Amino acid sequence: MAKPRTIVIGMDYSATSKKALKWAIDNLIDAGDTVVVLLVLSPKSDPVNKQLFADTGSPLIPLVEFKETGVCKKYGITPDPELFNMLDTVSAAKKAKVVAKVYWGDPREKLCEAVSHLKLDAIVVGSRGLGTLKRVLLESVSSHVVQNATCAVTVVK
């Protein structure tokens, strides 16, 4: 049996990030793995717990708590029933541990910082399918993570 891994799914509730999660469920996640749903919120948002965790991000939030409206509100997260269903499925079917972590700031930087904070084995992110020029001009999150993360990165189109 392979050693359990820690896999981050970059999540912004977009269709592409949900596709990335679906791809990870179908192709990457195995029993015993820890799946971290990583949300990076705007630095301008001001939820209750932001000041306490502004530098290090929130503590790891277990799936059971992550689904609670009060917990979501504390961290400034928008509850998403479709996401919760997907996470329940991976938890039950794959016997994976599912947690969430919230950062505030630039998603490109925070995803890369998470590698060392969480000792990640892999990052999975979605891609909007931008062309080369738009990727450079719009400072693509996926391009930045591929170039700067120190772990395996999968970009799902």
N, C-alpha and C. Protein backbone atom coordinates (compact mmCIF):
# COMPACT_ATOMS: atom_id res chain seq x y z
N MET A 1 0.84 -1.18 0.00
CA MET A 1 0.00 0.00 0.00
C MET A 1 0.88 1.24 0.00
N ALA A 2 0.55 2.21 -0.83
CA ALA A 2 1.32 3.44 -0.94
C ALA A 2 1.13 4.31 0.30
N LYS A 3 2.14 5.11 0.56
CA LYS A 3 2.09 6.04 1.68
C LYS A 3 1.00 7.08 1.43
N PRO A 4 0.17 7.37 2.44
CA PRO A 4 -0.86 8.41 2.27
C PRO A 4 -0.23 9.75 1.90
N ARG A 5 -0.92 10.48 1.03
CA ARG A 5 -0.42 11.76 0.54
C ARG A 5 -1.32 12.90 1.00
N THR A 6 -0.77 14.10 0.91
CA THR A 6 -1.55 15.31 1.17
C THR A 6 -1.68 16.04 -0.16
N ILE A 7 -2.91 16.20 -0.61
CA ILE A 7 -3.20 16.78 -1.92
C ILE A 7 -4.07 18.01 -1.74
N VAL A 8 -3.64 19.13 -2.30
CA VAL A 8 -4.44 20.36 -2.24
C VAL A 8 -5.20 20.53 -3.54
N ILE A 9 -6.46 20.93 -3.39
CA ILE A 9 -7.28 21.32 -4.53
C ILE A 9 -7.51 22.82 -4.39
N GLY A 10 -7.00 23.60 -5.35
CA GLY A 10 -7.24 25.04 -5.34
C GLY A 10 -8.69 25.28 -5.72
N MET A 11 -9.44 25.95 -4.85
CA MET A 11 -10.89 26.08 -5.07
C MET A 11 -11.31 27.55 -5.05
N ASP A 12 -12.01 27.95 -6.10
CA ASP A 12 -12.61 29.29 -6.12
C ASP A 12 -14.09 29.22 -6.50
N TYR A 13 -14.66 28.03 -6.43
CA TYR A 13 -16.07 27.75 -6.73
C TYR A 13 -16.40 27.86 -8.22
N SER A 14 -15.41 28.10 -9.07
CA SER A 14 -15.68 28.18 -10.51
C SER A 14 -15.88 26.77 -11.07
N ALA A 15 -16.43 26.71 -12.26
CA ALA A 15 -16.62 25.42 -12.93
C ALA A 15 -15.28 24.73 -13.15
N THR A 16 -14.23 25.50 -13.45
CA THR A 16 -12.93 24.87 -13.71
C THR A 16 -12.32 24.30 -12.43
N SER A 17 -12.51 24.96 -11.29
CA SER A 17 -11.96 24.40 -10.05
C SER A 17 -12.74 23.16 -9.62
N LYS A 18 -14.04 23.13 -9.91
CA LYS A 18 -14.83 21.93 -9.60
C LYS A 18 -14.45 20.78 -10.52
N LYS A 19 -14.10 21.10 -11.78
CA LYS A 19 -13.60 20.07 -12.70
C LYS A 19 -12.28 19.50 -12.18
N ALA A 20 -11.44 20.38 -11.64
CA ALA A 20 -10.16 19.94 -11.07
C ALA A 20 -10.40 18.98 -9.91
N LEU A 21 -11.37 19.30 -9.05
CA LEU A 21 -11.71 18.41 -7.94
C LEU A 21 -12.23 17.08 -8.46
N LYS A 22 -13.12 17.13 -9.43
CA LYS A 22 -13.66 15.89 -10.02
C LYS A 22 -12.54 15.04 -10.61
N TRP A 23 -11.62 15.68 -11.33
CA TRP A 23 -10.49 14.95 -11.91
C TRP A 23 -9.66 14.30 -10.80
N ALA A 24 -9.39 15.03 -9.73
CA ALA A 24 -8.60 14.48 -8.63
C ALA A 24 -9.31 13.30 -7.97
N ILE A 25 -10.62 13.40 -7.81
CA ILE A 25 -11.40 12.31 -7.23
C ILE A 25 -11.29 11.06 -8.12
N ASP A 26 -11.44 11.26 -9.43
CA ASP A 26 -11.45 10.13 -10.36
C ASP A 26 -10.07 9.54 -10.62
N ASN A 27 -9.01 10.36 -10.53
CA ASN A 27 -7.70 9.91 -11.01
C ASN A 27 -6.55 9.94 -10.02
N LEU A 28 -6.68 10.65 -8.92
CA LEU A 28 -5.52 10.86 -8.07
C LEU A 28 -5.70 10.40 -6.63
N ILE A 29 -6.83 10.69 -6.06
CA ILE A 29 -7.03 10.45 -4.62
C ILE A 29 -7.24 8.97 -4.34
N ASP A 30 -6.49 8.48 -3.35
CA ASP A 30 -6.59 7.09 -2.91
C ASP A 30 -6.99 7.04 -1.44
N ALA A 31 -7.34 5.86 -0.98
CA ALA A 31 -7.69 5.66 0.42
C ALA A 31 -6.54 6.12 1.31
N GLY A 32 -6.88 6.82 2.36
CA GLY A 32 -5.88 7.27 3.32
C GLY A 32 -5.28 8.64 3.01
N ASP A 33 -5.48 9.14 1.79
CA ASP A 33 -4.95 10.45 1.44
C ASP A 33 -5.70 11.54 2.21
N THR A 34 -5.04 12.67 2.39
CA THR A 34 -5.68 13.85 2.95
C THR A 34 -5.90 14.84 1.82
N VAL A 35 -7.13 15.26 1.65
CA VAL A 35 -7.49 16.23 0.62
C VAL A 35 -7.74 17.56 1.32
N VAL A 36 -6.98 18.58 0.91
CA VAL A 36 -7.14 19.91 1.47
C VAL A 36 -7.77 20.80 0.41
N VAL A 37 -8.97 21.26 0.68
CA VAL A 37 -9.64 22.22 -0.20
C VAL A 37 -9.14 23.59 0.23
N LEU A 38 -8.35 24.22 -0.64
CA LEU A 38 -7.72 25.48 -0.29
C LEU A 38 -8.43 26.64 -0.97
N LEU A 39 -8.99 27.51 -0.16
CA LEU A 39 -9.69 28.69 -0.66
C LEU A 39 -8.85 29.91 -0.34
N VAL A 40 -8.63 30.75 -1.33
CA VAL A 40 -7.91 32.01 -1.11
C VAL A 40 -8.89 33.13 -1.37
N LEU A 41 -9.22 33.84 -0.31
CA LEU A 41 -10.20 34.92 -0.41
C LEU A 41 -9.50 36.27 -0.59
N SER A 42 -10.24 37.23 -1.05
CA SER A 42 -9.71 38.56 -1.28
C SER A 42 -9.14 39.14 0.02
N PRO A 43 -8.01 39.81 -0.07
CA PRO A 43 -7.47 40.45 1.14
C PRO A 43 -8.39 41.57 1.64
N LYS A 44 -9.31 42.02 0.80
CA LYS A 44 -10.25 43.07 1.19
C LYS A 44 -11.42 42.54 2.01
N SER A 45 -11.65 41.22 1.95
CA SER A 45 -12.74 40.65 2.74
C SER A 45 -12.37 40.77 4.21
N ASP A 46 -13.37 40.84 5.06
CA ASP A 46 -13.09 41.06 6.48
C ASP A 46 -13.94 40.17 7.38
N PRO A 47 -13.79 38.84 7.24
CA PRO A 47 -14.55 37.97 8.15
C PRO A 47 -13.99 38.05 9.57
N VAL A 48 -14.73 37.51 10.49
CA VAL A 48 -14.38 37.56 11.92
C VAL A 48 -12.97 37.04 12.19
N ASN A 49 -12.60 35.90 11.60
CA ASN A 49 -11.34 35.25 11.94
C ASN A 49 -10.15 35.70 11.09
N LYS A 50 -10.34 36.62 10.18
CA LYS A 50 -9.24 37.01 9.29
C LYS A 50 -8.05 37.57 10.05
N GLN A 51 -8.29 38.47 11.00
CA GLN A 51 -7.17 39.09 11.72
C GLN A 51 -6.36 38.05 12.48
N LEU A 52 -7.02 37.07 13.03
CA LEU A 52 -6.34 36.05 13.81
C LEU A 52 -5.45 35.17 12.93
N PHE A 53 -5.88 34.89 11.69
CA PHE A 53 -5.17 33.95 10.83
C PHE A 53 -4.65 34.58 9.54
N ALA A 54 -4.50 35.90 9.50
CA ALA A 54 -4.12 36.60 8.27
C ALA A 54 -2.80 36.09 7.69
N ASP A 55 -1.82 35.81 8.52
CA ASP A 55 -0.50 35.40 8.03
C ASP A 55 -0.41 33.92 7.69
N THR A 56 -0.99 33.08 8.51
CA THR A 56 -0.82 31.63 8.34
C THR A 56 -2.02 30.94 7.72
N GLY A 57 -3.08 31.66 7.50
CA GLY A 57 -4.31 31.02 7.03
C GLY A 57 -5.02 30.36 8.20
N SER A 58 -6.22 29.95 7.93
CA SER A 58 -7.03 29.31 8.99
C SER A 58 -6.40 27.99 9.40
N PRO A 59 -6.80 27.48 10.56
CA PRO A 59 -6.42 26.11 10.87
C PRO A 59 -7.14 25.18 9.89
N LEU A 60 -6.71 23.93 9.81
CA LEU A 60 -7.41 22.97 8.96
C LEU A 60 -8.81 22.75 9.52
N ILE A 61 -9.80 22.88 8.65
CA ILE A 61 -11.20 22.79 9.05
C ILE A 61 -11.75 21.45 8.59
N PRO A 62 -12.11 20.54 9.50
CA PRO A 62 -12.67 19.24 9.08
C PRO A 62 -13.93 19.42 8.25
N LEU A 63 -14.20 18.48 7.36
CA LEU A 63 -15.34 18.57 6.45
C LEU A 63 -16.65 18.79 7.18
N VAL A 64 -16.85 18.10 8.30
CA VAL A 64 -18.10 18.24 9.06
C VAL A 64 -18.31 19.70 9.48
N GLU A 65 -17.25 20.35 9.94
CA GLU A 65 -17.36 21.75 10.35
C GLU A 65 -17.45 22.68 9.14
N PHE A 66 -16.70 22.37 8.08
CA PHE A 66 -16.66 23.19 6.87
C PHE A 66 -18.06 23.36 6.28
N LYS A 67 -18.91 22.36 6.44
CA LYS A 67 -20.26 22.40 5.88
C LYS A 67 -21.23 23.22 6.74
N GLU A 68 -20.83 23.60 7.94
CA GLU A 68 -21.71 24.36 8.82
C GLU A 68 -21.75 25.83 8.41
N THR A 69 -22.94 26.38 8.32
CA THR A 69 -23.12 27.77 7.90
C THR A 69 -22.37 28.74 8.81
N GLY A 70 -22.41 28.51 10.10
CA GLY A 70 -21.72 29.40 11.05
C GLY A 70 -20.21 29.41 10.85
N VAL A 71 -19.64 28.27 10.57
CA VAL A 71 -18.20 28.19 10.34
C VAL A 71 -17.84 28.90 9.04
N CYS A 72 -18.63 28.67 8.01
CA CYS A 72 -18.40 29.36 6.73
C CYS A 72 -18.43 30.86 6.93
N LYS A 73 -19.40 31.34 7.68
CA LYS A 73 -19.54 32.78 7.91
C LYS A 73 -18.33 33.34 8.66
N LYS A 74 -17.83 32.59 9.65
CA LYS A 74 -16.67 33.04 10.42
C LYS A 74 -15.45 33.30 9.54
N TYR A 75 -15.29 32.48 8.50
CA TYR A 75 -14.12 32.59 7.64
C TYR A 75 -14.42 33.35 6.34
N GLY A 76 -15.65 33.76 6.14
CA GLY A 76 -15.99 34.50 4.93
C GLY A 76 -16.16 33.60 3.71
N ILE A 77 -16.51 32.34 3.94
CA ILE A 77 -16.68 31.37 2.86
C ILE A 77 -18.14 31.32 2.44
N THR A 78 -18.36 31.22 1.15
CA THR A 78 -19.71 31.04 0.64
C THR A 78 -20.02 29.55 0.60
N PRO A 79 -21.04 29.07 1.32
CA PRO A 79 -21.38 27.64 1.28
C PRO A 79 -21.80 27.23 -0.14
N ASP A 80 -21.35 26.07 -0.57
CA ASP A 80 -21.66 25.58 -1.91
C ASP A 80 -22.09 24.11 -1.82
N PRO A 81 -23.41 23.83 -1.89
CA PRO A 81 -23.89 22.46 -1.74
C PRO A 81 -23.28 21.48 -2.75
N GLU A 82 -23.05 21.92 -3.98
CA GLU A 82 -22.44 21.04 -4.99
C GLU A 82 -21.03 20.62 -4.56
N LEU A 83 -20.25 21.56 -4.06
CA LEU A 83 -18.91 21.26 -3.57
C LEU A 83 -18.98 20.30 -2.38
N PHE A 84 -19.89 20.57 -1.45
CA PHE A 84 -20.03 19.71 -0.28
C PHE A 84 -20.39 18.28 -0.68
N ASN A 85 -21.27 18.11 -1.66
CA ASN A 85 -21.62 16.77 -2.15
C ASN A 85 -20.41 16.05 -2.72
N MET A 86 -19.60 16.76 -3.50
CA MET A 86 -18.39 16.15 -4.07
C MET A 86 -17.42 15.73 -2.97
N LEU A 87 -17.28 16.57 -1.96
CA LEU A 87 -16.37 16.26 -0.86
C LEU A 87 -16.89 15.11 0.00
N ASP A 88 -18.20 15.06 0.22
CA ASP A 88 -18.79 13.92 0.93
C ASP A 88 -18.51 12.62 0.18
N THR A 89 -18.63 12.67 -1.14
CA THR A 89 -18.39 11.49 -1.97
C THR A 89 -16.96 11.00 -1.84
N VAL A 90 -16.00 11.90 -1.96
CA VAL A 90 -14.59 11.48 -1.86
C VAL A 90 -14.27 10.96 -0.46
N SER A 91 -14.88 11.56 0.54
CA SER A 91 -14.65 11.12 1.91
C SER A 91 -15.19 9.71 2.13
N ALA A 92 -16.40 9.46 1.66
CA ALA A 92 -17.04 8.16 1.87
C ALA A 92 -16.50 7.08 0.92
N ALA A 93 -16.47 7.39 -0.36
CA ALA A 93 -16.10 6.37 -1.35
C ALA A 93 -14.60 6.06 -1.35
N LYS A 94 -13.78 7.06 -1.20
CA LYS A 94 -12.33 6.87 -1.28
C LYS A 94 -11.68 6.72 0.09
N LYS A 95 -12.46 6.91 1.16
CA LYS A 95 -11.93 6.85 2.52
C LYS A 95 -10.77 7.83 2.70
N ALA A 96 -10.93 9.02 2.13
CA ALA A 96 -9.92 10.06 2.26
C ALA A 96 -10.36 11.04 3.35
N LYS A 97 -9.38 11.61 4.01
CA LYS A 97 -9.66 12.64 5.01
C LYS A 97 -9.80 13.96 4.25
N VAL A 98 -10.88 14.69 4.45
CA VAL A 98 -11.11 15.95 3.75
C VAL A 98 -11.15 17.09 4.75
N VAL A 99 -10.33 18.11 4.48
CA VAL A 99 -10.29 19.31 5.31
C VAL A 99 -10.25 20.52 4.39
N ALA A 100 -10.52 21.68 4.96
CA ALA A 100 -10.44 22.93 4.20
C ALA A 100 -9.47 23.86 4.91
N LYS A 101 -8.89 24.75 4.14
CA LYS A 101 -8.01 25.78 4.70
C LYS A 101 -8.28 27.07 3.92
N VAL A 102 -8.34 28.17 4.65
CA VAL A 102 -8.64 29.47 4.05
C VAL A 102 -7.44 30.40 4.24
N TYR A 103 -7.04 31.02 3.13
CA TYR A 103 -6.03 32.07 3.15
C TYR A 103 -6.67 33.35 2.63
N TRP A 104 -6.03 34.48 2.89
CA TRP A 104 -6.47 35.76 2.34
C TRP A 104 -5.28 36.36 1.62
N GLY A 105 -5.49 36.75 0.36
CA GLY A 105 -4.40 37.37 -0.39
C GLY A 105 -4.39 36.93 -1.83
N ASP A 106 -3.19 36.89 -2.41
CA ASP A 106 -2.98 36.53 -3.80
C ASP A 106 -2.99 35.00 -3.93
N PRO A 107 -3.92 34.44 -4.70
CA PRO A 107 -4.00 32.98 -4.82
C PRO A 107 -2.71 32.34 -5.33
N ARG A 108 -2.01 33.03 -6.22
CA ARG A 108 -0.77 32.47 -6.77
C ARG A 108 0.25 32.25 -5.66
N GLU A 109 0.42 33.26 -4.83
CA GLU A 109 1.41 33.18 -3.75
C GLU A 109 0.96 32.22 -2.65
N LYS A 110 -0.31 32.28 -2.29
CA LYS A 110 -0.79 31.46 -1.18
C LYS A 110 -0.76 29.96 -1.52
N LEU A 111 -1.07 29.60 -2.77
CA LEU A 111 -0.98 28.19 -3.16
C LEU A 111 0.46 27.70 -3.05
N CYS A 112 1.40 28.51 -3.46
CA CYS A 112 2.81 28.12 -3.37
C CYS A 112 3.29 28.06 -1.92
N GLU A 113 2.84 29.01 -1.09
CA GLU A 113 3.19 28.99 0.33
C GLU A 113 2.65 27.74 1.02
N ALA A 114 1.48 27.30 0.60
CA ALA A 114 0.85 26.12 1.23
C ALA A 114 1.71 24.88 1.11
N VAL A 115 2.54 24.80 0.08
CA VAL A 115 3.39 23.62 -0.12
C VAL A 115 4.25 23.38 1.10
N SER A 116 4.91 24.42 1.60
CA SER A 116 5.77 24.23 2.77
C SER A 116 4.97 24.20 4.07
N HIS A 117 3.90 25.00 4.17
CA HIS A 117 3.11 25.00 5.41
C HIS A 117 2.47 23.64 5.67
N LEU A 118 1.96 23.02 4.61
CA LEU A 118 1.17 21.78 4.76
C LEU A 118 1.93 20.52 4.34
N LYS A 119 3.17 20.69 3.91
CA LYS A 119 3.99 19.55 3.46
C LYS A 119 3.25 18.75 2.39
N LEU A 120 2.91 19.43 1.31
CA LEU A 120 2.08 18.86 0.25
C LEU A 120 2.84 17.90 -0.65
N ASP A 121 2.12 16.92 -1.15
CA ASP A 121 2.66 16.02 -2.16
C ASP A 121 2.21 16.44 -3.56
N ALA A 122 1.07 17.13 -3.66
CA ALA A 122 0.55 17.53 -4.97
C ALA A 122 -0.45 18.66 -4.82
N ILE A 123 -0.53 19.47 -5.89
CA ILE A 123 -1.54 20.52 -6.00
C ILE A 123 -2.31 20.26 -7.29
N VAL A 124 -3.63 20.39 -7.23
CA VAL A 124 -4.47 20.29 -8.42
C VAL A 124 -5.24 21.60 -8.55
N VAL A 125 -5.11 22.24 -9.71
CA VAL A 125 -5.82 23.49 -9.96
C VAL A 125 -6.51 23.42 -11.32
N GLY A 126 -7.52 24.23 -11.47
CA GLY A 126 -8.21 24.33 -12.75
C GLY A 126 -7.57 25.42 -13.59
N SER A 127 -7.88 25.39 -14.88
CA SER A 127 -7.38 26.39 -15.81
C SER A 127 -8.55 26.93 -16.62
N ARG A 128 -8.55 28.23 -16.84
CA ARG A 128 -9.61 28.84 -17.63
C ARG A 128 -9.40 28.64 -19.11
N GLY A 129 -8.27 28.08 -19.53
CA GLY A 129 -8.02 27.85 -20.94
C GLY A 129 -7.60 29.10 -21.69
N LEU A 130 -6.92 30.00 -21.02
CA LEU A 130 -6.47 31.22 -21.68
C LEU A 130 -5.32 30.91 -22.63
N GLY A 131 -5.19 31.69 -23.67
CA GLY A 131 -4.06 31.57 -24.58
C GLY A 131 -2.80 32.08 -23.90
N THR A 132 -1.65 31.89 -24.55
CA THR A 132 -0.37 32.26 -23.97
C THR A 132 -0.30 33.73 -23.59
N LEU A 133 -0.71 34.61 -24.49
CA LEU A 133 -0.63 36.04 -24.23
C LEU A 133 -1.53 36.45 -23.07
N LYS A 134 -2.76 35.97 -23.05
CA LYS A 134 -3.67 36.32 -21.96
C LYS A 134 -3.17 35.76 -20.63
N ARG A 135 -2.58 34.55 -20.65
CA ARG A 135 -2.03 33.96 -19.42
C ARG A 135 -0.97 34.88 -18.83
N VAL A 136 -0.11 35.44 -19.69
CA VAL A 136 0.95 36.33 -19.21
C VAL A 136 0.35 37.65 -18.73
N LEU A 137 -0.53 38.23 -19.52
CA LEU A 137 -1.11 39.53 -19.17
C LEU A 137 -1.99 39.47 -17.93
N LEU A 138 -2.75 38.40 -17.77
CA LEU A 138 -3.67 38.27 -16.64
C LEU A 138 -3.03 37.56 -15.45
N GLU A 139 -1.74 37.25 -15.56
CA GLU A 139 -1.00 36.60 -14.47
C GLU A 139 -1.73 35.35 -13.98
N SER A 140 -1.81 34.38 -14.82
CA SER A 140 -2.52 33.14 -14.55
C SER A 140 -2.05 32.47 -13.26
N VAL A 141 -3.02 32.08 -12.43
CA VAL A 141 -2.73 31.36 -11.20
C VAL A 141 -2.07 30.02 -11.52
N SER A 142 -2.65 29.28 -12.46
CA SER A 142 -2.10 27.95 -12.76
C SER A 142 -0.68 28.04 -13.30
N SER A 143 -0.40 28.99 -14.17
CA SER A 143 0.97 29.15 -14.71
C SER A 143 1.95 29.46 -13.59
N HIS A 144 1.57 30.37 -12.70
CA HIS A 144 2.45 30.74 -11.60
C HIS A 144 2.74 29.53 -10.69
N VAL A 145 1.71 28.78 -10.38
CA VAL A 145 1.88 27.62 -9.49
C VAL A 145 2.76 26.57 -10.15
N VAL A 146 2.55 26.31 -11.44
CA VAL A 146 3.39 25.34 -12.15
C VAL A 146 4.85 25.76 -12.10
N GLN A 147 5.12 27.03 -12.27
CA GLN A 147 6.50 27.52 -12.31
C GLN A 147 7.15 27.64 -10.94
N ASN A 148 6.36 27.80 -9.87
CA ASN A 148 6.96 28.13 -8.58
C ASN A 148 6.72 27.12 -7.46
N ALA A 149 5.76 26.24 -7.58
CA ALA A 149 5.51 25.28 -6.49
C ALA A 149 6.61 24.24 -6.47
N THR A 150 6.91 23.76 -5.28
CA THR A 150 7.98 22.77 -5.12
C THR A 150 7.44 21.36 -4.92
N CYS A 151 6.25 21.12 -5.45
CA CYS A 151 5.67 19.77 -5.43
C CYS A 151 5.03 19.54 -6.79
N ALA A 152 4.51 18.35 -6.99
CA ALA A 152 3.83 18.04 -8.25
C ALA A 152 2.59 18.91 -8.40
N VAL A 153 2.37 19.42 -9.62
CA VAL A 153 1.22 20.28 -9.90
C VAL A 153 0.50 19.70 -11.11
N THR A 154 -0.83 19.56 -10.99
CA THR A 154 -1.65 19.14 -12.12
C THR A 154 -2.61 20.27 -12.43
N VAL A 155 -2.64 20.67 -13.68
CA VAL A 155 -3.56 21.70 -14.14
C VAL A 155 -4.62 21.00 -14.99
N VAL A 156 -5.87 21.13 -14.58
CA VAL A 156 -6.99 20.49 -15.27
C VAL A 156 -7.70 21.54 -16.10
N LYS A 157 -7.78 21.28 -17.40
CA LYS A 157 -8.41 22.25 -18.30
C LYS A 157 -9.90 21.99 -18.38
